[in-house]
N, C-alpha and C. Protein backbone atom coordinates (compact mmCIF):
# COMPACT_ATOMS: atom_id res chain seq x y z
N LYS A 1 77.52 135.03 84.54
CA LYS A 1 76.13 135.23 84.92
C LYS A 1 75.70 134.30 86.05
N ILE A 2 76.32 133.12 86.10
CA ILE A 2 75.85 132.17 87.13
C ILE A 2 76.54 132.35 88.47
N LYS A 3 77.62 133.13 88.51
CA LYS A 3 78.38 133.21 89.77
C LYS A 3 77.56 133.81 90.91
N ASN A 4 76.53 134.60 90.58
CA ASN A 4 75.71 135.20 91.62
C ASN A 4 74.50 134.34 91.99
N LYS A 5 74.34 133.21 91.29
CA LYS A 5 73.26 132.29 91.65
C LYS A 5 73.60 131.62 92.97
N GLN A 6 72.59 131.30 93.73
CA GLN A 6 72.81 130.60 94.98
C GLN A 6 73.22 129.16 94.68
N THR A 7 74.24 128.70 95.38
CA THR A 7 74.67 127.32 95.16
C THR A 7 73.67 126.36 95.80
N ASN A 8 73.61 125.19 95.23
CA ASN A 8 72.70 124.15 95.70
C ASN A 8 73.47 123.22 96.63
N ASP A 9 73.32 123.40 97.92
CA ASP A 9 74.05 122.58 98.88
C ASP A 9 73.34 121.27 99.23
N ARG A 10 72.17 121.05 98.66
CA ARG A 10 71.43 119.82 98.95
C ARG A 10 72.07 118.61 98.29
N ASP A 11 72.58 118.80 97.09
CA ASP A 11 73.17 117.68 96.36
C ASP A 11 74.60 117.45 96.84
N ASN A 12 74.96 116.20 96.91
CA ASN A 12 76.31 115.82 97.33
C ASN A 12 76.90 114.98 96.21
N TYR A 13 77.67 115.61 95.34
CA TYR A 13 78.17 114.86 94.19
C TYR A 13 79.52 115.36 93.71
N ALA A 14 80.16 114.52 92.91
CA ALA A 14 81.37 114.88 92.18
C ALA A 14 80.96 115.05 90.73
N VAL A 15 81.68 115.88 90.01
CA VAL A 15 81.40 116.03 88.58
C VAL A 15 82.63 115.61 87.79
N PHE A 16 82.40 114.79 86.76
CA PHE A 16 83.46 114.41 85.84
C PHE A 16 83.35 115.28 84.60
N LEU A 17 84.46 115.96 84.25
CA LEU A 17 84.49 116.82 83.07
C LEU A 17 84.97 116.01 81.87
N ASP A 18 84.03 115.58 81.08
CA ASP A 18 84.33 114.79 79.89
C ASP A 18 85.04 115.66 78.86
N GLN A 19 86.04 115.08 78.20
CA GLN A 19 86.66 115.84 77.12
C GLN A 19 86.72 115.03 75.82
N ASN A 20 85.82 114.05 75.73
CA ASN A 20 85.73 113.28 74.50
C ASN A 20 87.10 112.70 74.14
N MET A 21 87.66 111.99 75.09
CA MET A 21 89.06 111.54 75.04
C MET A 21 89.42 110.68 73.84
N VAL A 22 88.50 109.84 73.36
CA VAL A 22 88.90 108.88 72.32
C VAL A 22 88.54 109.28 70.90
N ASP A 23 87.56 110.19 70.74
CA ASP A 23 87.21 110.56 69.36
C ASP A 23 86.87 112.04 69.21
N HIS A 24 87.59 112.86 69.94
CA HIS A 24 87.42 114.31 69.82
C HIS A 24 87.79 114.73 68.40
N PRO A 25 87.01 115.60 67.76
CA PRO A 25 87.33 116.01 66.38
C PRO A 25 88.71 116.63 66.23
N ASP A 26 89.22 117.27 67.27
CA ASP A 26 90.55 117.88 67.18
C ASP A 26 91.65 116.84 67.02
N ILE A 27 91.42 115.63 67.54
CA ILE A 27 92.41 114.57 67.38
C ILE A 27 92.60 114.26 65.90
N VAL A 28 91.49 114.19 65.18
CA VAL A 28 91.54 113.93 63.74
C VAL A 28 92.15 115.12 63.01
N LEU A 29 91.68 116.33 63.33
CA LEU A 29 92.16 117.54 62.65
C LEU A 29 93.66 117.75 62.83
N GLN A 30 94.18 117.40 64.00
CA GLN A 30 95.60 117.60 64.28
C GLN A 30 96.44 116.36 63.98
N ASP A 31 95.79 115.34 63.42
CA ASP A 31 96.47 114.10 63.05
C ASP A 31 97.21 113.48 64.24
N LEU A 32 96.51 113.42 65.38
CA LEU A 32 97.07 112.84 66.59
C LEU A 32 96.50 111.44 66.82
N LYS A 33 97.23 110.65 67.56
CA LYS A 33 96.71 109.34 67.96
C LYS A 33 95.88 109.54 69.22
N ALA A 34 94.71 108.93 69.28
CA ALA A 34 93.86 109.04 70.48
C ALA A 34 94.64 108.53 71.69
N PRO A 35 94.52 109.21 72.83
CA PRO A 35 95.26 108.80 74.03
C PRO A 35 94.86 107.43 74.59
N ALA A 36 93.68 106.94 74.19
CA ALA A 36 93.21 105.64 74.69
C ALA A 36 92.25 105.04 73.68
N THR A 37 92.08 103.73 73.75
CA THR A 37 91.13 103.07 72.87
C THR A 37 89.74 103.14 73.49
N GLU A 38 88.73 103.18 72.64
CA GLU A 38 87.36 103.41 73.10
C GLU A 38 86.89 102.40 74.15
N ILE A 39 87.00 101.12 73.85
CA ILE A 39 86.47 100.10 74.76
C ILE A 39 87.20 100.13 76.11
N LYS A 40 88.52 100.13 76.05
CA LYS A 40 89.32 100.11 77.30
C LYS A 40 89.08 101.39 78.10
N TYR A 41 89.05 102.54 77.44
CA TYR A 41 88.89 103.81 78.15
C TYR A 41 87.56 103.86 78.90
N TYR A 42 86.46 103.57 78.20
CA TYR A 42 85.15 103.68 78.84
C TYR A 42 84.93 102.63 79.92
N GLU A 43 85.48 101.43 79.74
CA GLU A 43 85.40 100.41 80.79
C GLU A 43 86.14 100.88 82.04
N THR A 44 87.36 101.37 81.83
CA THR A 44 88.17 101.84 82.95
C THR A 44 87.51 103.02 83.66
N LEU A 45 87.02 103.97 82.88
CA LEU A 45 86.38 105.16 83.45
C LEU A 45 85.13 104.76 84.24
N ARG A 46 84.28 103.94 83.65
CA ARG A 46 83.05 103.53 84.33
C ARG A 46 83.36 102.81 85.63
N ASN A 47 84.28 101.85 85.59
CA ASN A 47 84.64 101.10 86.79
C ASN A 47 85.18 102.02 87.88
N PHE A 48 86.03 102.96 87.48
CA PHE A 48 86.58 103.90 88.46
C PHE A 48 85.47 104.75 89.07
N LEU A 49 84.59 105.30 88.24
CA LEU A 49 83.54 106.19 88.74
C LEU A 49 82.61 105.44 89.71
N LYS A 50 82.31 104.18 89.40
CA LYS A 50 81.47 103.40 90.31
C LYS A 50 82.18 103.17 91.66
N LYS A 51 83.46 102.82 91.62
CA LYS A 51 84.21 102.63 92.87
C LYS A 51 84.33 103.94 93.64
N PHE A 52 84.55 105.02 92.90
CA PHE A 52 84.66 106.33 93.54
C PHE A 52 83.38 106.68 94.28
N GLU A 53 82.24 106.40 93.66
CA GLU A 53 80.96 106.67 94.31
C GLU A 53 80.83 105.89 95.63
N LEU A 54 81.19 104.62 95.58
CA LEU A 54 81.07 103.77 96.77
C LEU A 54 81.97 104.24 97.90
N LYS A 55 83.21 104.58 97.56
CA LYS A 55 84.18 104.93 98.58
C LYS A 55 83.98 106.34 99.12
N SER A 56 83.55 107.26 98.27
CA SER A 56 83.47 108.66 98.68
C SER A 56 82.10 109.08 99.21
N ASP A 57 81.08 108.24 98.97
CA ASP A 57 79.69 108.61 99.28
C ASP A 57 79.24 109.82 98.48
N LEU A 58 79.86 110.03 97.34
CA LEU A 58 79.45 111.11 96.43
C LEU A 58 78.97 110.47 95.13
N LYS A 59 77.79 110.84 94.69
CA LYS A 59 77.34 110.41 93.37
C LYS A 59 78.16 111.16 92.33
N VAL A 60 78.29 110.59 91.14
CA VAL A 60 79.03 111.24 90.06
C VAL A 60 78.06 111.69 88.99
N LYS A 61 78.19 112.95 88.60
CA LYS A 61 77.48 113.49 87.44
C LYS A 61 78.52 113.78 86.37
N ILE A 62 78.11 113.68 85.12
CA ILE A 62 79.05 113.89 84.02
C ILE A 62 78.64 115.11 83.21
N ALA A 63 79.59 116.03 83.07
CA ALA A 63 79.41 117.17 82.18
C ALA A 63 80.02 116.76 80.83
N LEU A 64 79.16 116.39 79.90
CA LEU A 64 79.64 115.86 78.62
C LEU A 64 80.18 116.96 77.72
N HIS A 65 81.18 116.60 76.95
CA HIS A 65 81.81 117.55 76.03
C HIS A 65 80.82 117.95 74.94
N PRO A 66 80.73 119.24 74.62
CA PRO A 66 79.74 119.68 73.63
C PRO A 66 79.96 119.13 72.22
N LYS A 67 81.18 118.72 71.90
CA LYS A 67 81.44 118.18 70.55
C LYS A 67 81.04 116.72 70.41
N ARG A 68 80.41 116.17 71.42
CA ARG A 68 79.88 114.80 71.30
C ARG A 68 78.64 114.79 70.42
N HIS A 69 78.04 115.94 70.18
CA HIS A 69 76.83 116.04 69.36
C HIS A 69 75.74 115.11 69.86
N LYS A 70 75.54 115.13 71.18
CA LYS A 70 74.45 114.39 71.84
C LYS A 70 74.63 112.88 71.83
N LYS A 71 75.81 112.39 71.44
CA LYS A 71 76.06 110.95 71.46
C LYS A 71 76.72 110.58 72.79
N VAL A 72 76.01 109.82 73.60
CA VAL A 72 76.51 109.43 74.91
C VAL A 72 77.01 107.99 74.86
N PRO A 73 78.27 107.75 75.24
CA PRO A 73 78.77 106.37 75.26
C PRO A 73 77.91 105.51 76.19
N ASP A 74 77.62 104.30 75.74
CA ASP A 74 76.74 103.40 76.50
C ASP A 74 77.18 103.21 77.94
N LEU A 75 78.48 103.08 78.16
CA LEU A 75 78.98 102.81 79.50
C LEU A 75 78.85 104.01 80.45
N LEU A 76 78.53 105.17 79.92
CA LEU A 76 78.37 106.35 80.77
C LEU A 76 76.90 106.70 81.01
N LYS A 77 76.00 106.00 80.36
CA LYS A 77 74.58 106.34 80.44
C LYS A 77 73.97 106.10 81.81
N GLU A 78 74.63 105.31 82.64
CA GLU A 78 74.06 105.06 83.97
C GLU A 78 74.29 106.22 84.94
N PHE A 79 75.14 107.18 84.56
CA PHE A 79 75.39 108.35 85.39
C PHE A 79 74.55 109.51 84.90
N PRO A 80 74.06 110.37 85.80
CA PRO A 80 73.36 111.58 85.34
C PRO A 80 74.34 112.42 84.51
N TYR A 81 73.87 112.98 83.41
CA TYR A 81 74.75 113.76 82.54
C TYR A 81 74.00 114.91 81.90
N ALA A 82 74.77 115.85 81.40
CA ALA A 82 74.20 116.98 80.66
C ALA A 82 75.27 117.51 79.71
N PHE A 83 74.81 118.16 78.66
CA PHE A 83 75.71 118.75 77.68
C PHE A 83 75.94 120.24 77.91
N GLU A 84 75.01 120.90 78.53
CA GLU A 84 75.06 122.36 78.55
C GLU A 84 75.06 122.96 79.94
N ASN A 85 75.36 122.19 80.96
CA ASN A 85 75.31 122.69 82.33
C ASN A 85 76.65 122.54 83.05
N THR A 86 77.74 122.58 82.33
CA THR A 86 79.05 122.33 82.94
C THR A 86 79.32 123.29 84.10
N ALA A 87 79.13 124.57 83.88
CA ALA A 87 79.43 125.55 84.94
C ALA A 87 78.58 125.29 86.18
N GLU A 88 77.28 125.02 85.99
CA GLU A 88 76.40 124.76 87.13
C GLU A 88 76.77 123.46 87.82
N PHE A 89 77.10 122.42 87.03
CA PHE A 89 77.51 121.15 87.61
C PHE A 89 78.73 121.36 88.51
N VAL A 90 79.70 122.13 88.02
CA VAL A 90 80.92 122.38 88.80
C VAL A 90 80.60 123.23 90.03
N MET A 91 79.84 124.28 89.85
CA MET A 91 79.53 125.20 90.94
C MET A 91 78.89 124.48 92.13
N ASN A 92 78.03 123.52 91.86
CA ASN A 92 77.29 122.83 92.92
C ASN A 92 77.94 121.53 93.38
N SER A 93 79.09 121.19 92.83
CA SER A 93 79.74 119.93 93.18
C SER A 93 80.63 120.08 94.41
N LYS A 94 81.03 118.93 94.95
CA LYS A 94 81.99 118.90 96.06
C LYS A 94 83.42 118.78 95.54
N VAL A 95 83.58 118.06 94.43
CA VAL A 95 84.91 117.82 93.86
C VAL A 95 84.76 117.60 92.36
N VAL A 96 85.81 117.95 91.63
CA VAL A 96 85.82 117.83 90.17
C VAL A 96 86.82 116.74 89.77
N LEU A 97 86.40 115.86 88.88
CA LEU A 97 87.26 114.82 88.30
C LEU A 97 87.52 115.21 86.85
N ALA A 98 88.78 115.19 86.42
CA ALA A 98 89.09 115.65 85.07
C ALA A 98 90.40 115.04 84.58
N HIS A 99 90.61 115.17 83.27
CA HIS A 99 91.90 114.81 82.68
C HIS A 99 92.71 116.09 82.48
N SER A 100 92.42 116.80 81.38
CA SER A 100 93.12 118.06 81.13
C SER A 100 92.22 119.02 80.36
N SER A 101 90.95 118.95 80.62
CA SER A 101 89.98 119.79 79.93
C SER A 101 90.15 121.26 80.29
N THR A 102 89.96 122.13 79.32
CA THR A 102 90.01 123.56 79.62
C THR A 102 88.87 123.98 80.54
N SER A 103 87.84 123.14 80.64
CA SER A 103 86.72 123.47 81.52
C SER A 103 87.08 123.37 83.00
N ILE A 104 88.33 122.97 83.31
CA ILE A 104 88.75 123.02 84.72
C ILE A 104 88.78 124.46 85.21
N SER A 105 88.75 125.41 84.28
CA SER A 105 88.68 126.82 84.69
C SER A 105 87.49 127.07 85.59
N TYR A 106 86.39 126.35 85.37
CA TYR A 106 85.23 126.50 86.25
C TYR A 106 85.57 126.08 87.67
N ALA A 107 86.35 125.01 87.80
CA ALA A 107 86.74 124.55 89.14
C ALA A 107 87.60 125.61 89.83
N ILE A 108 88.45 126.28 89.07
CA ILE A 108 89.28 127.34 89.65
C ILE A 108 88.39 128.50 90.09
N LEU A 109 87.49 128.91 89.20
CA LEU A 109 86.62 130.05 89.51
C LEU A 109 85.73 129.80 90.73
N PHE A 110 85.23 128.57 90.86
CA PHE A 110 84.35 128.24 91.97
C PHE A 110 85.09 127.60 93.16
N LYS A 111 86.43 127.57 93.06
CA LYS A 111 87.28 127.05 94.14
C LYS A 111 86.89 125.64 94.56
N LYS A 112 86.82 124.78 93.56
CA LYS A 112 86.50 123.37 93.81
C LYS A 112 87.77 122.52 93.69
N PRO A 113 87.95 121.56 94.58
CA PRO A 113 89.12 120.67 94.46
C PRO A 113 89.02 119.83 93.19
N ILE A 114 90.18 119.58 92.59
CA ILE A 114 90.24 118.81 91.34
C ILE A 114 91.09 117.57 91.57
N ILE A 115 90.57 116.43 91.13
CA ILE A 115 91.35 115.19 91.09
C ILE A 115 91.57 114.88 89.62
N PHE A 116 92.82 114.83 89.21
CA PHE A 116 93.14 114.54 87.82
C PHE A 116 93.22 113.03 87.61
N LEU A 117 92.64 112.58 86.51
CA LEU A 117 92.57 111.15 86.22
C LEU A 117 93.44 110.78 85.04
N THR A 118 94.12 109.67 85.17
CA THR A 118 94.87 109.10 84.07
C THR A 118 94.58 107.60 84.05
N SER A 119 95.22 106.88 83.15
CA SER A 119 95.07 105.43 83.06
C SER A 119 96.36 104.86 82.50
N ASN A 120 96.48 103.56 82.47
CA ASN A 120 97.69 102.95 81.91
C ASN A 120 97.89 103.34 80.45
N GLN A 121 96.80 103.40 79.68
CA GLN A 121 96.92 103.82 78.28
C GLN A 121 97.28 105.30 78.17
N ILE A 122 96.61 106.13 78.94
CA ILE A 122 96.84 107.57 78.85
C ILE A 122 98.27 107.93 79.25
N THR A 123 98.83 107.21 80.24
CA THR A 123 100.20 107.54 80.68
C THR A 123 101.22 107.37 79.55
N LYS A 124 100.88 106.57 78.54
CA LYS A 124 101.80 106.36 77.42
C LYS A 124 101.53 107.31 76.25
N SER A 125 100.63 108.25 76.45
CA SER A 125 100.23 109.15 75.35
C SER A 125 100.69 110.58 75.61
N TRP A 126 100.50 111.41 74.60
CA TRP A 126 100.81 112.83 74.69
C TRP A 126 99.96 113.54 75.75
N GLN A 127 98.85 112.95 76.11
CA GLN A 127 97.93 113.57 77.07
C GLN A 127 98.51 113.58 78.50
N GLN A 128 99.36 112.61 78.82
CA GLN A 128 99.88 112.48 80.18
C GLN A 128 100.64 113.73 80.63
N ALA A 129 101.47 114.29 79.77
CA ALA A 129 102.24 115.48 80.14
C ALA A 129 101.32 116.64 80.50
N ARG A 130 100.22 116.76 79.79
CA ARG A 130 99.25 117.83 80.08
C ARG A 130 98.61 117.62 81.46
N ILE A 131 98.22 116.38 81.74
CA ILE A 131 97.60 116.07 83.03
C ILE A 131 98.58 116.38 84.16
N GLU A 132 99.82 115.95 83.99
CA GLU A 132 100.83 116.18 85.03
C GLU A 132 101.09 117.67 85.23
N LYS A 133 101.11 118.44 84.15
CA LYS A 133 101.35 119.88 84.26
C LYS A 133 100.20 120.57 85.00
N PHE A 134 98.96 120.22 84.66
CA PHE A 134 97.81 120.78 85.38
C PHE A 134 97.91 120.44 86.87
N SER A 135 98.20 119.19 87.17
CA SER A 135 98.28 118.74 88.56
C SER A 135 99.37 119.50 89.32
N GLU A 136 100.51 119.64 88.70
CA GLU A 136 101.63 120.36 89.32
C GLU A 136 101.29 121.84 89.52
N THR A 137 100.73 122.45 88.49
CA THR A 137 100.40 123.87 88.54
C THR A 137 99.40 124.18 89.64
N LEU A 138 98.46 123.26 89.87
CA LEU A 138 97.40 123.50 90.86
C LEU A 138 97.63 122.77 92.18
N ASN A 139 98.74 122.04 92.27
CA ASN A 139 99.05 121.25 93.46
C ASN A 139 97.88 120.32 93.79
N SER A 140 97.42 119.61 92.77
CA SER A 140 96.28 118.69 92.90
C SER A 140 96.74 117.25 92.71
N HIS A 141 95.92 116.33 93.14
CA HIS A 141 96.24 114.90 93.06
C HIS A 141 95.96 114.32 91.68
N ILE A 142 96.71 113.27 91.34
CA ILE A 142 96.45 112.47 90.14
C ILE A 142 96.15 111.05 90.61
N ILE A 143 95.12 110.45 90.01
CA ILE A 143 94.80 109.04 90.27
C ILE A 143 94.85 108.29 88.95
N ASN A 144 95.59 107.17 88.94
CA ASN A 144 95.57 106.28 87.80
C ASN A 144 94.36 105.36 87.99
N MET A 145 93.39 105.47 87.12
CA MET A 145 92.14 104.71 87.26
C MET A 145 92.36 103.20 87.20
N ASP A 146 93.39 102.75 86.50
CA ASP A 146 93.68 101.32 86.41
C ASP A 146 94.30 100.78 87.68
N ASN A 147 95.07 101.61 88.38
CA ASN A 147 95.78 101.16 89.58
C ASN A 147 95.10 101.64 90.85
N TYR A 148 93.88 102.06 90.72
CA TYR A 148 93.15 102.65 91.82
C TYR A 148 92.80 101.60 92.86
N SER A 149 93.08 101.92 94.11
CA SER A 149 92.72 101.05 95.22
C SER A 149 91.76 101.79 96.13
N GLU A 150 90.63 101.20 96.41
CA GLU A 150 89.63 101.85 97.27
C GLU A 150 90.22 102.19 98.63
N GLN A 151 91.12 101.37 99.12
CA GLN A 151 91.70 101.64 100.44
C GLN A 151 92.52 102.93 100.44
N LYS A 152 93.10 103.27 99.29
CA LYS A 152 93.96 104.44 99.23
C LYS A 152 93.18 105.75 99.20
N LEU A 153 91.92 105.70 98.86
CA LEU A 153 91.14 106.92 98.70
C LEU A 153 90.53 107.36 100.02
N LYS A 154 91.07 108.42 100.56
CA LYS A 154 90.48 109.09 101.71
C LYS A 154 89.97 110.42 101.17
N ILE A 155 88.68 110.49 100.93
CA ILE A 155 88.12 111.61 100.18
C ILE A 155 88.45 112.96 100.81
N ASN A 156 88.53 113.03 102.13
CA ASN A 156 88.84 114.31 102.77
C ASN A 156 90.23 114.83 102.41
N ASP A 157 91.14 113.91 102.08
CA ASP A 157 92.48 114.32 101.65
C ASP A 157 92.43 115.04 100.30
N PHE A 158 91.39 114.78 99.53
CA PHE A 158 91.28 115.35 98.20
C PHE A 158 90.44 116.63 98.16
N LEU A 159 89.83 116.99 99.28
CA LEU A 159 88.90 118.12 99.29
C LEU A 159 89.54 119.43 99.72
N ILE A 160 90.84 119.48 99.63
CA ILE A 160 91.58 120.69 100.00
C ILE A 160 92.17 121.29 98.73
N ILE A 161 92.07 122.61 98.62
CA ILE A 161 92.69 123.27 97.47
C ILE A 161 93.84 124.13 97.95
N ASP A 162 94.79 124.35 97.05
CA ASP A 162 95.91 125.25 97.33
C ASP A 162 95.47 126.63 96.83
N GLU A 163 95.03 127.47 97.75
CA GLU A 163 94.43 128.76 97.37
C GLU A 163 95.41 129.62 96.57
N LYS A 164 96.68 129.60 96.93
CA LYS A 164 97.66 130.42 96.21
C LYS A 164 97.82 129.93 94.77
N LYS A 165 97.90 128.62 94.60
CA LYS A 165 98.06 128.06 93.24
C LYS A 165 96.82 128.36 92.40
N TYR A 166 95.64 128.27 93.01
CA TYR A 166 94.41 128.59 92.28
C TYR A 166 94.39 130.06 91.87
N LYS A 167 94.83 130.93 92.79
CA LYS A 167 94.86 132.37 92.48
C LYS A 167 95.86 132.65 91.38
N ASP A 168 97.03 132.02 91.43
CA ASP A 168 98.04 132.19 90.38
C ASP A 168 97.50 131.75 89.03
N TYR A 169 96.81 130.60 89.02
CA TYR A 169 96.23 130.09 87.76
C TYR A 169 95.18 131.06 87.23
N LEU A 170 94.32 131.53 88.12
CA LEU A 170 93.29 132.51 87.73
C LEU A 170 93.93 133.74 87.10
N ASP A 171 94.96 134.27 87.73
CA ASP A 171 95.61 135.49 87.24
C ASP A 171 96.37 135.27 85.94
N GLN A 172 96.97 134.10 85.77
CA GLN A 172 97.80 133.85 84.58
C GLN A 172 97.03 133.35 83.37
N TYR A 173 95.96 132.57 83.62
CA TYR A 173 95.32 131.89 82.49
C TYR A 173 93.85 132.22 82.28
N ILE A 174 93.18 132.79 83.28
CA ILE A 174 91.75 133.02 83.13
C ILE A 174 91.41 134.50 83.01
N LYS A 175 91.92 135.30 83.95
CA LYS A 175 91.54 136.71 83.97
C LYS A 175 92.69 137.54 84.54
N VAL A 176 93.10 138.55 83.80
CA VAL A 176 94.18 139.43 84.26
C VAL A 176 93.71 140.18 85.50
N PRO A 177 94.56 140.25 86.53
CA PRO A 177 94.15 140.99 87.74
C PRO A 177 93.79 142.45 87.40
N GLN A 178 92.79 142.96 88.08
CA GLN A 178 92.30 144.33 87.93
C GLN A 178 91.55 144.58 86.62
N SER A 179 91.41 143.55 85.79
CA SER A 179 90.66 143.76 84.55
C SER A 179 89.16 143.78 84.87
N PRO A 180 88.38 144.48 84.03
CA PRO A 180 86.93 144.56 84.32
C PRO A 180 86.28 143.18 84.26
N ASP A 181 85.23 143.03 85.05
CA ASP A 181 84.52 141.76 85.14
C ASP A 181 83.42 141.70 84.08
N VAL A 182 83.84 141.74 82.83
CA VAL A 182 82.92 141.70 81.69
C VAL A 182 83.50 140.76 80.64
N PRO A 183 82.67 140.29 79.70
CA PRO A 183 83.18 139.39 78.67
C PRO A 183 84.30 140.03 77.84
N LEU A 184 85.21 139.19 77.37
CA LEU A 184 86.35 139.65 76.58
C LEU A 184 85.93 140.47 75.37
N TRP A 185 84.84 140.03 74.71
CA TRP A 185 84.42 140.76 73.50
C TRP A 185 84.02 142.19 73.82
N GLU A 186 83.50 142.45 75.03
CA GLU A 186 83.14 143.82 75.41
C GLU A 186 84.39 144.67 75.60
N ILE A 187 85.41 144.09 76.22
CA ILE A 187 86.68 144.81 76.41
C ILE A 187 87.28 145.13 75.05
N PHE A 188 87.31 144.14 74.17
CA PHE A 188 87.87 144.32 72.83
C PHE A 188 87.10 145.40 72.05
N SER A 189 85.77 145.33 72.07
CA SER A 189 84.94 146.30 71.35
C SER A 189 85.18 147.71 71.87
N LYS A 190 85.28 147.85 73.18
CA LYS A 190 85.50 149.18 73.78
C LYS A 190 86.84 149.74 73.33
N GLN A 191 87.85 148.89 73.29
CA GLN A 191 89.17 149.35 72.84
C GLN A 191 89.11 149.83 71.38
N ILE A 192 88.43 149.09 70.54
CA ILE A 192 88.31 149.46 69.13
C ILE A 192 87.60 150.81 68.99
N ILE A 193 86.49 150.96 69.73
CA ILE A 193 85.72 152.22 69.66
C ILE A 193 86.53 153.38 70.22
N ASP A 194 87.15 153.17 71.38
CA ASP A 194 87.93 154.25 72.00
C ASP A 194 89.10 154.69 71.15
N LYS A 195 89.73 153.75 70.49
CA LYS A 195 90.89 154.09 69.64
C LYS A 195 90.48 154.53 68.24
N GLN A 196 89.20 154.34 67.93
CA GLN A 196 88.61 154.74 66.64
C GLN A 196 89.38 154.15 65.46
N PHE A 197 89.60 152.85 65.53
CA PHE A 197 90.27 152.17 64.40
C PHE A 197 89.35 152.13 63.21
């Protein structure tokens, strides 16, 4: 529904796609170890986002994960954030910062460059392989937030997307080519009715 809305070119910002890295309910349900500890993760993330803002001249907005249940970590409160505007945040952004959230699909749909983020703790966890696979699949950059050097960041180098890789991802993981541009449940319902199950 939002793809036909006019984009807001007045704002100049990056969006960070939060995925509730340290206490996502699925971590508990699947009996996994959190990829990072709460204090270290949020300190590292906050410090990186502040440096990124200074070096890139882009403010950072945070699209918070909906399973946070309105609980915002203290270290992220200084950034503008929202729980229910992820698609709009991505659509109007210049660049997307993410780990391995499924919401990167919005970046693919709106053809936004993605910078994947990791840290020293995350590189030692099960999450690192996912981040690397996303980066490889989309031919996007990875930045280790702990080893980040402001001198190394030339923002224009990160604002390019690999159109073929994005198209391949769209076709393989988001929407089958030539399929109708309607919600999945409508396609499913039509098939059930047409086949008269």
